[in-house]
Amino acid sequence: MTVQFNPPSSCILEINMKGVKLAVQDDYCGYSRGNKCSHFFQLKNISFCGYHPKNNKYFGFITKHPADQRFACHVFVSEDSTKPMAESVGRAFQLFYKEYVEYTCPTEDIYLE
């Protein structure tokens, strides 16, 4: 009911293996930047993401503040299913982890004679 009577601001989420960029169209973000607020959440600071199991039009993720011991929950509603968004974040996590492991634990061929 709240979404119908008080709709949230429109936004665009861009997801890649570095993180999630949020571009919000809203009145309170200021007119100097074309009425657009942008936020970026590094993937390493996202601890959970998913869509609501009973209504997949809702999507959310939890972030940790990069410097403080604070957490925030970000919830979005879409006209369509948000399952593809959750799957995209999952794939980004997989790519991030693969690159992280390859960098921190490189595998080399070892030949014993």
PDB file of N, CA and C in Angstrom:
ATOM      1  N   MET A   1       0.818  -1.192   0.000  1.00  0.00           N
ATOM      2  CA  MET A   1       0.000   0.000   0.000  1.00  0.00           C
ATOM      3  C   MET A   1       0.865   1.261   0.000  1.00  0.00           C
ATOM      4  N   THR A   2       1.961   1.248   0.767  1.00  0.00           N
ATOM      5  CA  THR A   2       2.815   2.429   0.855  1.00  0.00           C
ATOM      6  C   THR A   2       3.402   2.777  -0.502  1.00  0.00           C
ATOM      7  N   VAL A   3       3.796   1.767  -1.264  1.00  0.00           N
ATOM      8  CA  VAL A   3       4.405   2.002  -2.575  1.00  0.00           C
ATOM      9  C   VAL A   3       3.406   2.670  -3.510  1.00  0.00           C
ATOM     10  N   GLN A   4       2.127   2.314  -3.403  1.00  0.00           N
ATOM     11  CA  GLN A   4       1.111   2.900  -4.268  1.00  0.00           C
ATOM     12  C   GLN A   4       0.823   4.356  -3.923  1.00  0.00           C
ATOM     13  N   PHE A   5       0.769   4.674  -2.624  1.00  0.00           N
ATOM     14  CA  PHE A   5       0.409   6.027  -2.206  1.00  0.00           C
ATOM     15  C   PHE A   5       1.603   6.956  -2.055  1.00  0.00           C
ATOM     16  N   ASN A   6       2.773   6.400  -1.818  1.00  0.00           N
ATOM     17  CA  ASN A   6       3.996   7.193  -1.662  1.00  0.00           C
ATOM     18  C   ASN A   6       5.133   6.496  -2.411  1.00  0.00           C
ATOM     19  N   PRO A   7       5.110   6.575  -3.746  1.00  0.00           N
ATOM     20  CA  PRO A   7       6.109   5.823  -4.520  1.00  0.00           C
ATOM     21  C   PRO A   7       7.533   6.308  -4.245  1.00  0.00           C
ATOM     22  N   PRO A   8       8.487   5.368  -4.227  1.00  0.00           N
ATOM     23  CA  PRO A   8       9.891   5.746  -3.998  1.00  0.00           C
ATOM     24  C   PRO A   8      10.473   6.449  -5.210  1.00  0.00           C
ATOM     25  N   SER A   9      11.626   7.041  -5.026  1.00  0.00           N
ATOM     26  CA  SER A   9      12.329   7.700  -6.126  1.00  0.00           C
ATOM     27  C   SER A   9      12.782   6.677  -7.145  1.00  0.00           C
ATOM     28  N   SER A  10      12.851   7.087  -8.382  1.00  0.00           N
ATOM     29  CA  SER A  10      13.372   6.207  -9.432  1.00  0.00           C
ATOM     30  C   SER A  10      14.880   6.122  -9.310  1.00  0.00           C
ATOM     31  N   CYS A  11      15.421   4.952  -9.628  1.00  0.00           N
ATOM     32  CA  CYS A  11      16.870   4.800  -9.564  1.00  0.00           C
ATOM     33  C   CYS A  11      17.328   3.760 -10.579  1.00  0.00           C
ATOM     34  N   ILE A  12      18.613   3.785 -10.827  1.00  0.00           N
ATOM     35  CA  ILE A  12      19.259   2.816 -11.714  1.00  0.00           C
ATOM     36  C   ILE A  12      20.380   2.164 -10.923  1.00  0.00           C
ATOM     37  N   LEU A  13      20.437   0.833 -10.962  1.00  0.00           N
ATOM     38  CA  LEU A  13      21.533   0.093 -10.340  1.00  0.00           C
ATOM     39  C   LEU A  13      22.437  -0.437 -11.431  1.00  0.00           C
ATOM     40  N   GLU A  14      23.724  -0.141 -11.313  1.00  0.00           N
ATOM     41  CA  GLU A  14      24.730  -0.700 -12.215  1.00  0.00           C
ATOM     42  C   GLU A  14      25.566  -1.666 -11.395  1.00  0.00           C
ATOM     43  N   ILE A  15      25.647  -2.911 -11.845  1.00  0.00           N
ATOM     44  CA  ILE A  15      26.329  -3.953 -11.093  1.00  0.00           C
ATOM     45  C   ILE A  15      27.506  -4.465 -11.899  1.00  0.00           C
ATOM     46  N   ASN A  16      28.691  -4.493 -11.261  1.00  0.00           N
ATOM     47  CA  ASN A  16      29.856  -5.120 -11.884  1.00  0.00           C
ATOM     48  C   ASN A  16      30.706  -5.749 -10.791  1.00  0.00           C
ATOM     49  N   MET A  17      31.856  -6.303 -11.150  1.00  0.00           N
ATOM     50  CA  MET A  17      32.646  -7.026 -10.159  1.00  0.00           C
ATOM     51  C   MET A  17      33.380  -6.121  -9.178  1.00  0.00           C
ATOM     52  N   LYS A  18      33.260  -4.820  -9.344  1.00  0.00           N
ATOM     53  CA  LYS A  18      33.829  -3.888  -8.369  1.00  0.00           C
ATOM     54  C   LYS A  18      32.803  -3.476  -7.335  1.00  0.00           C
ATOM     55  N   GLY A  19      31.527  -3.468  -7.730  1.00  0.00           N
ATOM     56  CA  GLY A  19      30.507  -3.070  -6.787  1.00  0.00           C
ATOM     57  C   GLY A  19      29.188  -2.721  -7.434  1.00  0.00           C
ATOM     58  N   VAL A  20      28.376  -1.997  -6.681  1.00  0.00           N
ATOM     59  CA  VAL A  20      27.046  -1.587  -7.130  1.00  0.00           C
ATOM     60  C   VAL A  20      26.984  -0.066  -7.106  1.00  0.00           C
ATOM     61  N   LYS A  21      26.665   0.506  -8.252  1.00  0.00           N
ATOM     62  CA  LYS A  21      26.488   1.959  -8.349  1.00  0.00           C
ATOM     63  C   LYS A  21      24.994   2.239  -8.372  1.00  0.00           C
ATOM     64  N   LEU A  22      24.596   3.182  -7.540  1.00  0.00           N
ATOM     65  CA  LEU A  22      23.198   3.559  -7.421  1.00  0.00           C
ATOM     66  C   LEU A  22      23.049   4.998  -7.873  1.00  0.00           C
ATOM     67  N   ALA A  23      22.256   5.220  -8.890  1.00  0.00           N
ATOM     68  CA  ALA A  23      21.964   6.575  -9.369  1.00  0.00           C
ATOM     69  C   ALA A  23      20.488   6.849  -9.078  1.00  0.00           C
ATOM     70  N   VAL A  24      20.230   7.823  -8.204  1.00  0.00           N
ATOM     71  CA  VAL A  24      18.873   8.134  -7.748  1.00  0.00           C
ATOM     72  C   VAL A  24      18.415   9.443  -8.359  1.00  0.00           C
ATOM     73  N   GLN A  25      17.215   9.452  -8.903  1.00  0.00           N
ATOM     74  CA  GLN A  25      16.567  10.677  -9.358  1.00  0.00           C
ATOM     75  C   GLN A  25      15.670  11.135  -8.224  1.00  0.00           C
ATOM     76  N   ASP A  26      15.964  12.291  -7.639  1.00  0.00           N
ATOM     77  CA  ASP A  26      15.167  12.715  -6.491  1.00  0.00           C
ATOM     78  C   ASP A  26      15.242  14.227  -6.317  1.00  0.00           C
ATOM     79  N   ASP A  27      14.263  14.780  -5.642  1.00  0.00           N
ATOM     80  CA  ASP A  27      14.217  16.220  -5.419  1.00  0.00           C
ATOM     81  C   ASP A  27      15.271  16.689  -4.430  1.00  0.00           C
ATOM     82  N   TYR A  28      15.563  15.902  -3.384  1.00  0.00           N
ATOM     83  CA  TYR A  28      16.442  16.377  -2.324  1.00  0.00           C
ATOM     84  C   TYR A  28      17.918  16.206  -2.636  1.00  0.00           C
ATOM     85  N   CYS A  29      18.276  15.675  -3.780  1.00  0.00           N
ATOM     86  CA  CYS A  29      19.691  15.435  -4.089  1.00  0.00           C
ATOM     87  C   CYS A  29      20.391  16.675  -4.626  1.00  0.00           C
ATOM     88  N   GLY A  30      19.669  17.711  -4.882  1.00  0.00           N
ATOM     89  CA  GLY A  30      20.316  18.942  -5.338  1.00  0.00           C
ATOM     90  C   GLY A  30      20.174  19.136  -6.830  1.00  0.00           C
ATOM     91  N   TYR A  31      20.050  20.348  -7.224  1.00  0.00           N
ATOM     92  CA  TYR A  31      19.833  20.648  -8.639  1.00  0.00           C
ATOM     93  C   TYR A  31      21.127  20.850  -9.401  1.00  0.00           C
ATOM     94  N   SER A  32      22.243  20.995  -8.716  1.00  0.00           N
ATOM     95  CA  SER A  32      23.501  21.292  -9.403  1.00  0.00           C
ATOM     96  C   SER A  32      24.013  20.121 -10.219  1.00  0.00           C
ATOM     97  N   ARG A  33      23.609  18.892  -9.884  1.00  0.00           N
ATOM     98  CA  ARG A  33      24.098  17.731 -10.617  1.00  0.00           C
ATOM     99  C   ARG A  33      22.993  17.113 -11.461  1.00  0.00           C
ATOM    100  N   GLY A  34      22.084  17.916 -11.929  1.00  0.00           N
ATOM    101  CA  GLY A  34      21.025  17.395 -12.768  1.00  0.00           C
ATOM    102  C   GLY A  34      20.020  16.548 -11.991  1.00  0.00           C
ATOM    103  N   ASN A  35      19.824  16.882 -10.728  1.00  0.00           N
ATOM    104  CA  ASN A  35      18.840  16.193  -9.900  1.00  0.00           C
ATOM    105  C   ASN A  35      19.146  14.704  -9.746  1.00  0.00           C
ATOM    106  N   LYS A  36      20.412  14.347  -9.682  1.00  0.00           N
ATOM    107  CA  LYS A  36      20.807  12.951  -9.597  1.00  0.00           C
ATOM    108  C   LYS A  36      21.784  12.732  -8.452  1.00  0.00           C
ATOM    109  N   CYS A  37      21.509  11.756  -7.602  1.00  0.00           N
ATOM    110  CA  CYS A  37      22.431  11.356  -6.542  1.00  0.00           C
ATOM    111  C   CYS A  37      23.075  10.048  -6.949  1.00  0.00           C
ATOM    112  N   SER A  38      24.350   9.929  -6.721  1.00  0.00           N
ATOM    113  CA  SER A  38      25.025   8.675  -7.014  1.00  0.00           C
ATOM    114  C   SER A  38      25.746   8.175  -5.774  1.00  0.00           C
ATOM    115  N   HIS A  39      25.671   6.891  -5.582  1.00  0.00           N
ATOM    116  CA  HIS A  39      26.363   6.223  -4.483  1.00  0.00           C
ATOM    117  C   HIS A  39      27.035   4.990  -5.060  1.00  0.00           C
ATOM    118  N   PHE A  40      28.174   4.618  -4.480  1.00  0.00           N
ATOM    119  CA  PHE A  40      28.863   3.417  -4.927  1.00  0.00           C
ATOM    120  C   PHE A  40      29.171   2.555  -3.711  1.00  0.00           C
ATOM    121  N   PHE A  41      28.830   1.290  -3.796  1.00  0.00           N
ATOM    122  CA  PHE A  41      29.073   0.334  -2.724  1.00  0.00           C
ATOM    123  C   PHE A  41      30.021  -0.733  -3.250  1.00  0.00           C
ATOM    124  N   GLN A  42      31.225  -0.807  -2.672  1.00  0.00           N
ATOM    125  CA  GLN A  42      32.181  -1.813  -3.106  1.00  0.00           C
ATOM    126  C   GLN A  42      31.641  -3.205  -2.775  1.00  0.00           C
ATOM    127  N   LEU A  43      31.904  -4.133  -3.680  1.00  0.00           N
ATOM    128  CA  LEU A  43      31.415  -5.486  -3.492  1.00  0.00           C
ATOM    129  C   LEU A  43      31.928  -6.099  -2.194  1.00  0.00           C
ATOM    130  N   LYS A  44      33.153  -5.755  -1.824  1.00  0.00           N
ATOM    131  CA  LYS A  44      33.714  -6.317  -0.590  1.00  0.00           C
ATOM    132  C   LYS A  44      32.974  -5.850   0.659  1.00  0.00           C
ATOM    133  N   ASN A  45      32.178  -4.775   0.545  1.00  0.00           N
ATOM    134  CA  ASN A  45      31.416  -4.262   1.688  1.00  0.00           C
ATOM    135  C   ASN A  45      29.952  -4.679   1.654  1.00  0.00           C
ATOM    136  N   ILE A  46      29.580  -5.518   0.692  1.00  0.00           N
ATOM    137  CA  ILE A  46      28.211  -6.022   0.626  1.00  0.00           C
ATOM    138  C   ILE A  46      28.200  -7.403   1.269  1.00  0.00           C
ATOM    139  N   SER A  47      27.382  -7.564   2.297  1.00  0.00           N
ATOM    140  CA  SER A  47      27.380  -8.832   3.022  1.00  0.00           C
ATOM    141  C   SER A  47      26.209  -9.735   2.649  1.00  0.00           C
ATOM    142  N   PHE A  48      25.187  -9.202   2.039  1.00  0.00           N
ATOM    143  CA  PHE A  48      24.019 -10.006   1.679  1.00  0.00           C
ATOM    144  C   PHE A  48      23.255  -9.287   0.592  1.00  0.00           C
ATOM    145  N   CYS A  49      22.655 -10.059  -0.309  1.00  0.00           N
ATOM    146  CA  CYS A  49      21.701  -9.484  -1.257  1.00  0.00           C
ATOM    147  C   CYS A  49      20.700 -10.560  -1.635  1.00  0.00           C
ATOM    148  N   GLY A  50      19.529 -10.145  -2.019  1.00  0.00           N
ATOM    149  CA  GLY A  50      18.519 -11.107  -2.443  1.00  0.00           C
ATOM    150  C   GLY A  50      17.199 -10.439  -2.720  1.00  0.00           C
ATOM    151  N   TYR A  51      16.289 -11.230  -3.283  1.00  0.00           N
ATOM    152  CA  TYR A  51      14.939 -10.736  -3.544  1.00  0.00           C
ATOM    153  C   TYR A  51      13.991 -11.422  -2.574  1.00  0.00           C
ATOM    154  N   HIS A  52      12.861 -10.800  -2.335  1.00  0.00           N
ATOM    155  CA  HIS A  52      11.897 -11.328  -1.371  1.00  0.00           C
ATOM    156  C   HIS A  52      11.316 -12.635  -1.912  1.00  0.00           C
ATOM    157  N   PRO A  53      11.291 -13.702  -1.099  1.00  0.00           N
ATOM    158  CA  PRO A  53      10.834 -14.999  -1.597  1.00  0.00           C
ATOM    159  C   PRO A  53       9.345 -15.053  -1.959  1.00  0.00           C
ATOM    160  N   LYS A  54       8.529 -14.200  -1.343  1.00  0.00           N
ATOM    161  CA  LYS A  54       7.093 -14.223  -1.634  1.00  0.00           C
ATOM    162  C   LYS A  54       6.677 -13.166  -2.652  1.00  0.00           C
ATOM    163  N   ASN A  55       7.515 -12.149  -2.832  1.00  0.00           N
ATOM    164  CA  ASN A  55       7.212 -11.095  -3.803  1.00  0.00           C
ATOM    165  C   ASN A  55       8.537 -10.635  -4.406  1.00  0.00           C
ATOM    166  N   ASN A  56       8.885 -11.208  -5.549  1.00  0.00           N
ATOM    167  CA  ASN A  56      10.199 -10.938  -6.138  1.00  0.00           C
ATOM    168  C   ASN A  56      10.322  -9.553  -6.772  1.00  0.00           C
ATOM    169  N   LYS A  57       9.356  -8.699  -6.551  1.00  0.00           N
ATOM    170  CA  LYS A  57       9.487  -7.309  -6.993  1.00  0.00           C
ATOM    171  C   LYS A  57      10.313  -6.492  -6.008  1.00  0.00           C
ATOM    172  N   TYR A  58      10.620  -7.095  -4.844  1.00  0.00           N
ATOM    173  CA  TYR A  58      11.450  -6.440  -3.827  1.00  0.00           C
ATOM    174  C   TYR A  58      12.844  -7.036  -3.820  1.00  0.00           C
ATOM    175  N   PHE A  59      13.838  -6.164  -3.794  1.00  0.00           N
ATOM    176  CA  PHE A  59      15.244  -6.565  -3.806  1.00  0.00           C
ATOM    177  C   PHE A  59      15.969  -5.739  -2.752  1.00  0.00           C
ATOM    178  N   GLY A  60      16.941  -6.343  -2.092  1.00  0.00           N
ATOM    179  CA  GLY A  60      17.692  -5.601  -1.098  1.00  0.00           C
ATOM    180  C   GLY A  60      19.099  -6.120  -0.936  1.00  0.00           C
ATOM    181  N   PHE A  61      19.956  -5.279  -0.368  1.00  0.00           N
ATOM    182  CA  PHE A  61      21.297  -5.715  -0.010  1.00  0.00           C
ATOM    183  C   PHE A  61      21.750  -4.967   1.237  1.00  0.00           C
ATOM    184  N   ILE A  62      22.680  -5.587   1.969  1.00  0.00           N
ATOM    185  CA  ILE A  62      23.208  -5.015   3.202  1.00  0.00           C
ATOM    186  C   ILE A  62      24.654  -4.630   2.966  1.00  0.00           C
ATOM    187  N   THR A  63      25.004  -3.420   3.386  1.00  0.00           N
ATOM    188  CA  THR A  63      26.377  -2.945   3.218  1.00  0.00           C
ATOM    189  C   THR A  63      26.970  -2.579   4.568  1.00  0.00           C
ATOM    190  N   LYS A  64      28.283  -2.729   4.638  1.00  0.00           N
ATOM    191  CA  LYS A  64      29.047  -2.297   5.805  1.00  0.00           C
ATOM    192  C   LYS A  64      29.718  -0.985   5.443  1.00  0.00           C
ATOM    193  N   HIS A  65      29.699  -0.056   6.362  1.00  0.00           N
ATOM    194  CA  HIS A  65      30.401   1.208   6.147  1.00  0.00           C
ATOM    195  C   HIS A  65      31.884   0.903   6.002  1.00  0.00           C
ATOM    196  N   PRO A  66      32.599   1.505   5.037  1.00  0.00           N
ATOM    197  CA  PRO A  66      34.009   1.166   4.811  1.00  0.00           C
ATOM    198  C   PRO A  66      34.933   1.486   5.976  1.00  0.00           C
ATOM    199  N   ALA A  67      34.577   2.442   6.825  1.00  0.00           N
ATOM    200  CA  ALA A  67      35.480   2.828   7.914  1.00  0.00           C
ATOM    201  C   ALA A  67      34.920   2.524   9.303  1.00  0.00           C
ATOM    202  N   ASP A  68      33.612   2.571   9.456  1.00  0.00           N
ATOM    203  CA  ASP A  68      32.993   2.404  10.770  1.00  0.00           C
ATOM    204  C   ASP A  68      32.326   1.035  10.893  1.00  0.00           C
ATOM    205  N   GLN A  69      31.958   0.682  12.103  1.00  0.00           N
ATOM    206  CA  GLN A  69      31.218  -0.555  12.343  1.00  0.00           C
ATOM    207  C   GLN A  69      29.720  -0.275  12.231  1.00  0.00           C
ATOM    208  N   ARG A  70      29.304   0.239  11.084  1.00  0.00           N
ATOM    209  CA  ARG A  70      27.891   0.526  10.833  1.00  0.00           C
ATOM    210  C   ARG A  70      27.443  -0.254   9.611  1.00  0.00           C
ATOM    211  N   PHE A  71      26.172  -0.624   9.601  1.00  0.00           N
ATOM    212  CA  PHE A  71      25.613  -1.363   8.485  1.00  0.00           C
ATOM    213  C   PHE A  71      24.361  -0.648   8.003  1.00  0.00           C
ATOM    214  N   ALA A  72      24.029  -0.858   6.732  1.00  0.00           N
ATOM    215  CA  ALA A  72      22.820  -0.266   6.175  1.00  0.00           C
ATOM    216  C   ALA A  72      22.125  -1.295   5.291  1.00  0.00           C
ATOM    217  N   CYS A  73      20.827  -1.247   5.291  1.00  0.00           N
ATOM    218  CA  CYS A  73      20.030  -2.121   4.432  1.00  0.00           C
ATOM    219  C   CYS A  73      19.388  -1.253   3.354  1.00  0.00           C
ATOM    220  N   HIS A  74      19.571  -1.633   2.110  1.00  0.00           N
ATOM    221  CA  HIS A  74      19.048  -0.890   0.969  1.00  0.00           C
ATOM    222  C   HIS A  74      17.980  -1.754   0.305  1.00  0.00           C
ATOM    223  N   VAL A  75      16.760  -1.248   0.213  1.00  0.00           N
ATOM    224  CA  VAL A  75      15.647  -2.020  -0.333  1.00  0.00           C
ATOM    225  C   VAL A  75      15.065  -1.275  -1.524  1.00  0.00           C
ATOM    226  N   PHE A  76      14.765  -2.036  -2.575  1.00  0.00           N
ATOM    227  CA  PHE A  76      14.244  -1.479  -3.830  1.00  0.00           C
ATOM    228  C   PHE A  76      12.997  -2.246  -4.229  1.00  0.00           C
ATOM    229  N   VAL A  77      12.112  -1.568  -4.932  1.00  0.00           N
ATOM    230  CA  VAL A  77      10.932  -2.219  -5.480  1.00  0.00           C
ATOM    231  C   VAL A  77      10.923  -1.944  -6.987  1.00  0.00           C
ATOM    232  N   SER A  78      10.519  -2.939  -7.745  1.00  0.00           N
ATOM    233  CA  SER A  78      10.529  -2.836  -9.200  1.00  0.00           C
ATOM    234  C   SER A  78       9.153  -3.205  -9.744  1.00  0.00           C
ATOM    235  N   GLU A  79       8.883  -2.758 -10.944  1.00  0.00           N
ATOM    236  CA  GLU A  79       7.633  -3.154 -11.590  1.00  0.00           C
ATOM    237  C   GLU A  79       7.708  -4.605 -12.053  1.00  0.00           C
ATOM    238  N   ASP A  80       8.938  -5.091 -12.282  1.00  0.00           N
ATOM    239  CA  ASP A  80       9.157  -6.462 -12.728  1.00  0.00           C
ATOM    240  C   ASP A  80       9.911  -7.231 -11.649  1.00  0.00           C
ATOM    241  N   SER A  81      10.189  -8.476 -11.919  1.00  0.00           N
ATOM    242  CA  SER A  81      10.940  -9.311 -10.989  1.00  0.00           C
ATOM    243  C   SER A  81      12.351  -8.765 -10.802  1.00  0.00           C
ATOM    244  N   THR A  82      12.839  -8.819  -9.576  1.00  0.00           N
ATOM    245  CA  THR A  82      14.205  -8.382  -9.291  1.00  0.00           C
ATOM    246  C   THR A  82      15.166  -9.570  -9.224  1.00  0.00           C
ATOM    247  N   LYS A  83      14.684 -10.740  -9.557  1.00  0.00           N
ATOM    248  CA  LYS A  83      15.540 -11.931  -9.547  1.00  0.00           C
ATOM    249  C   LYS A  83      16.779 -11.744 -10.422  1.00  0.00           C
ATOM    250  N   PRO A  84      16.671 -11.163 -11.635  1.00  0.00           N
ATOM    251  CA  PRO A  84      17.874 -10.941 -12.445  1.00  0.00           C
ATOM    252  C   PRO A  84      18.907 -10.038 -11.764  1.00  0.00           C
ATOM    253  N   MET A  85      18.450  -9.067 -10.968  1.00  0.00           N
ATOM    254  CA  MET A  85      19.398  -8.210 -10.239  1.00  0.00           C
ATOM    255  C   MET A  85      20.164  -9.027  -9.209  1.00  0.00           C
ATOM    256  N   ALA A  86      19.457  -9.831  -8.443  1.00  0.00           N
ATOM    257  CA  ALA A  86      20.109 -10.661  -7.434  1.00  0.00           C
ATOM    258  C   ALA A  86      21.086 -11.629  -8.095  1.00  0.00           C
ATOM    259  N   GLU A  87      20.702 -12.197  -9.227  1.00  0.00           N
ATOM    260  CA  GLU A  87      21.595 -13.114  -9.941  1.00  0.00           C
ATOM    261  C   GLU A  87      22.824 -12.375 -10.473  1.00  0.00           C
ATOM    262  N   SER A  88      22.658 -11.138 -10.904  1.00  0.00           N
ATOM    263  CA  SER A  88      23.789 -10.340 -11.389  1.00  0.00           C
ATOM    264  C   SER A  88      24.779 -10.055 -10.268  1.00  0.00           C
ATOM    265  N   VAL A  89      24.270  -9.732  -9.088  1.00  0.00           N
ATOM    266  CA  VAL A  89      25.164  -9.506  -7.948  1.00  0.00           C
ATOM    267  C   VAL A  89      25.877 -10.806  -7.596  1.00  0.00           C
ATOM    268  N   GLY A  90      25.177 -11.928  -7.676  1.00  0.00           N
ATOM    269  CA  GLY A  90      25.794 -13.229  -7.419  1.00  0.00           C
ATOM    270  C   GLY A  90      26.925 -13.521  -8.390  1.00  0.00           C
ATOM    271  N   ARG A  91      26.708 -13.243  -9.680  1.00  0.00           N
ATOM    272  CA  ARG A  91      27.770 -13.444 -10.685  1.00  0.00           C
ATOM    273  C   ARG A  91      28.936 -12.494 -10.437  1.00  0.00           C
ATOM    274  N   ALA A  92      28.635 -11.263 -10.034  1.00  0.00           N
ATOM    275  CA  ALA A  92      29.704 -10.303  -9.728  1.00  0.00           C
ATOM    276  C   ALA A  92      30.539 -10.805  -8.557  1.00  0.00           C
ATOM    277  N   PHE A  93      29.877 -11.361  -7.530  1.00  0.00           N
ATOM    278  CA  PHE A  93      30.605 -11.955  -6.402  1.00  0.00           C
ATOM    279  C   PHE A  93      31.514 -13.083  -6.867  1.00  0.00           C
ATOM    280  N   GLN A  94      31.014 -13.936  -7.745  1.00  0.00           N
ATOM    281  CA  GLN A  94      31.809 -15.059  -8.249  1.00  0.00           C
ATOM    282  C   GLN A  94      33.043 -14.557  -8.996  1.00  0.00           C
ATOM    283  N   LEU A  95      32.873 -13.567  -9.858  1.00  0.00           N
ATOM    284  CA  LEU A  95      34.007 -13.007 -10.601  1.00  0.00           C
ATOM    285  C   LEU A  95      34.998 -12.328  -9.666  1.00  0.00           C
ATOM    286  N   PHE A  96      34.482 -11.578  -8.702  1.00  0.00           N
ATOM    287  CA  PHE A  96      35.327 -10.900  -7.721  1.00  0.00           C
ATOM    288  C   PHE A  96      36.140 -11.926  -6.937  1.00  0.00           C
ATOM    289  N   TYR A  97      35.489 -12.974  -6.477  1.00  0.00           N
ATOM    290  CA  TYR A  97      36.167 -13.998  -5.684  1.00  0.00           C
ATOM    291  C   TYR A  97      37.216 -14.725  -6.524  1.00  0.00           C
ATOM    292  N   LYS A  98      36.870 -15.049  -7.772  1.00  0.00           N
ATOM    293  CA  LYS A  98      37.808 -15.740  -8.658  1.00  0.00           C
ATOM    294  C   LYS A  98      39.062 -14.894  -8.865  1.00  0.00           C
ATOM    295  N   GLU A  99      38.879 -13.606  -9.129  1.00  0.00           N
ATOM    296  CA  GLU A  99      40.030 -12.723  -9.332  1.00  0.00           C
ATOM    297  C   GLU A  99      40.824 -12.572  -8.033  1.00  0.00           C
ATOM    298  N   TYR A 100      40.132 -12.476  -6.908  1.00  0.00           N
ATOM    299  CA  TYR A 100      40.797 -12.340  -5.616  1.00  0.00           C
ATOM    300  C   TYR A 100      41.652 -13.571  -5.318  1.00  0.00           C
ATOM    301  N   VAL A 101      41.106 -14.754  -5.536  1.00  0.00           N
ATOM    302  CA  VAL A 101      41.839 -15.985  -5.264  1.00  0.00           C
ATOM    303  C   VAL A 101      43.035 -16.115  -6.210  1.00  0.00           C
ATOM    304  N   GLU A 102      42.832 -15.781  -7.474  1.00  0.00           N
ATOM    305  CA  GLU A 102      43.943 -15.862  -8.429  1.00  0.00           C
ATOM    306  C   GLU A 102      45.066 -14.905  -8.055  1.00  0.00           C
ATOM    307  N   TYR A 103      44.727 -13.772  -7.484  1.00  0.00           N
ATOM    308  CA  TYR A 103      45.727 -12.780  -7.098  1.00  0.00           C
ATOM    309  C   TYR A 103      46.430 -13.174  -5.793  1.00  0.00           C
ATOM    310  N   THR A 104      45.655 -13.612  -4.803  1.00  0.00           N
ATOM    311  CA  THR A 104      46.232 -13.901  -3.486  1.00  0.00           C
ATOM    312  C   THR A 104      46.824 -15.301  -3.383  1.00  0.00           C
ATOM    313  N   CYS A 105      46.337 -16.230  -4.172  1.00  0.00           N
ATOM    314  CA  CYS A 105      46.829 -17.618  -4.122  1.00  0.00           C
ATOM    315  C   CYS A 105      47.142 -18.099  -5.533  1.00  0.00           C
ATOM    316  N   PRO A 106      48.152 -17.523  -6.169  1.00  0.00           N
ATOM    317  CA  PRO A 106      48.428 -17.933  -7.553  1.00  0.00           C
ATOM    318  C   PRO A 106      48.873 -19.395  -7.595  1.00  0.00           C
ATOM    319  N   THR A 107      48.416 -20.059  -8.626  1.00  0.00           N
ATOM    320  CA  THR A 107      48.838 -21.451  -8.799  1.00  0.00           C
ATOM    321  C   THR A 107      49.945 -21.474  -9.841  1.00  0.00           C
ATOM    322  N   GLU A 108      50.987 -22.195  -9.514  1.00  0.00           N
ATOM    323  CA  GLU A 108      52.125 -22.324 -10.434  1.00  0.00           C
ATOM    324  C   GLU A 108      52.403 -23.804 -10.613  1.00  0.00           C
ATOM    325  N   ASP A 109      52.861 -24.146 -11.756  1.00  0.00           N
ATOM    326  CA  ASP A 109      53.238 -25.526 -11.988  1.00  0.00           C
ATOM    327  C   ASP A 109      54.560 -25.795 -11.290  1.00  0.00           C
ATOM    328  N   ILE A 110      54.569 -26.824 -10.505  1.00  0.00           N
ATOM    329  CA  ILE A 110      55.779 -27.198  -9.781  1.00  0.00           C
ATOM    330  C   ILE A 110      56.258 -28.534 -10.343  1.00  0.00           C
ATOM    331  N   TYR A 111      57.494 -28.560 -10.786  1.00  0.00           N
ATOM    332  CA  TYR A 111      58.064 -29.775 -11.339  1.00  0.00           C
ATOM    333  C   TYR A 111      59.079 -30.342 -10.355  1.00  0.00           C
ATOM    334  N   LEU A 112      58.868 -31.568  -9.970  1.00  0.00           N
ATOM    335  CA  LEU A 112      59.801 -32.232  -9.082  1.00  0.00           C
ATOM    336  C   LEU A 112      60.696 -33.147  -9.904  1.00  0.00           C
ATOM    337  N   GLU A 113      61.959 -33.115  -9.610  1.00  0.00           N
ATOM    338  CA  GLU A 113      62.894 -33.979 -10.339  1.00  0.00           C
ATOM    339  C   GLU A 113      63.435 -35.036  -9.425  1.00  0.00           C
TER     340      GLU A 113
END
